[in-house]
């Protein structure tokens, strides 16, 4: 009997992704075949196939120049821009200029070099995650995807994510990550929400994630969420904490072992990748324990020394105080006092951050799973009415005229224009007097309704239907290539197993014949040999698998 998942919710972070499925109102977080629920947001382009998530992470040390991370940062990024120059040193893979002047990913380890847009790469990763969801539910159809975005996600980035979903071939809506966390609270604690439909519980969601600090004021009702405010600071993040700890450890290694690892860091070497993994591991352990033994093998030199939590907290105290100050500032300027502060995000596990926020004087809790709540909330979206707001105003550039103000609910009302306008959301509309209408839809995307015969709309990274079809065709070809190599490798493993089995039988046969030879006459010995030969031939028929494997690889 055919069945379907009502929807899939994906928390697509810069570092990790989590998938939740909603089947007839029952929501659960998906795990892969190795019971992993947190999937690294990585794609590794090998010479023969692609690897995703955990497999990409395992493949990364040997294929560091072609393992792609932080894809969302590249969406809509102008190649000739200070932003690209600023972030490129952090990447171990090559960037390139695409035909539309935006930034792409350059992969040289194909039969011929290829340039991919970030949207193409994200599309392939989304398909990988959706396949995990489908396997979790015995391979049903997936009707819809709800994808998390940061509150300050730009118009161009939102368009890019929706285009990635189009390439992946799935209908998609965007959900603000902190709002999704509020939805997860309703899902887990329905009994704590006011039963009166006109009564609400006001909470602050503070998300200290890998890439930024996000704070949202939410009013929670039984079946709806109203957003009061969003604030975001990209200067405070788990990544920044890692950078501070890395600098501390580099200095300590230089003083203790007289080794300068900074050249390796600049050269993006494979050994530096292992060093950064050790730094991340130390950070995680210090969040739960008072000390950790930092260990790292550098060539023939074994580096080992203890790190105390006190030293770690000295390094990050300024940022923990800045985080608390940012949250407190929003509380002081808001008319809505929170019942409590819900603390989520991986960095929220560092005790000092919780301690500093608690000093504000408002109850701080973690009532929901700090890792899974956003994916769960995304999957819950169809059953809730969400009144989200614009994060930043949309203006007419050069005239400083506000079209849609920050804090306006989305979707907004429509407004009419009939002239050439450069909007601050990087959309240009050219009209010779013909009317067109603009609005912001429920995904937070600026839209234009117009007659293509009289009005021209330019969006830097929007794709035409023909481009979407072409990208789907490329993805289909790459998927087939992946599948052929996977099947070929599987057949080779089977073949090697059967050859090993045959060799064992052959050895046993010879030993048995030699043992019994003196008790057999010539006729008996000949019959026995013929029988064993037939058994062996049956096993060696598996050599045909080798031909199939080679054909698939071609």
Foldseek 3Di string as FASTA:
>chain_A
DADEFAAKFWEDDQFWIWIWTARPNDIDTFAAPVRDGIFTQKWAQALQAIDGTPRLVVCCLVRVQRIDTSLLLQQPAQCPDVSCVVCVLVHSYDWDQDPLRGIWGWDPSYVHIDTGRSLLSVLLRVLVVVVRVCVRVVRHHHAEYEYEDAQPQFQRSLLSNCLSVVLNPHHYFYDHLQVLLVLLCCVVCVVPADPPQVAWAWEWEWAAAAQWTKIWIWTDHNFAIETQAIDIDRCGHVVVLLVLLVVVVQVVCCVPVVDHCVVVSSVVHSLVVVVSVLSVVQVLVLLPDQKDWRWGCDPPDTDTDMDGNVNSCVSCVVSLLVSLVVVLVVCVPDPDHHQAYAYAYPVSSRVSNVVNNVVSPGHYDNPDHRPCSSRSSSNCVVRHHYFDWRNAFKAFPPVRHTPGHGRHTPQDDKDKDAAWTQIPSRKTKHFPRDIKIWTQHNSRHIDIGDDPVGMDMDHSPRDDPVVSVVSSVVSVVSVLSNVLLVVLVVLVVVLVVLVVVLVVLVVVLVVVCVVCVVVDDPVVSVVSVVVSVVVSVVSCVSVVSNVVSVVSSD
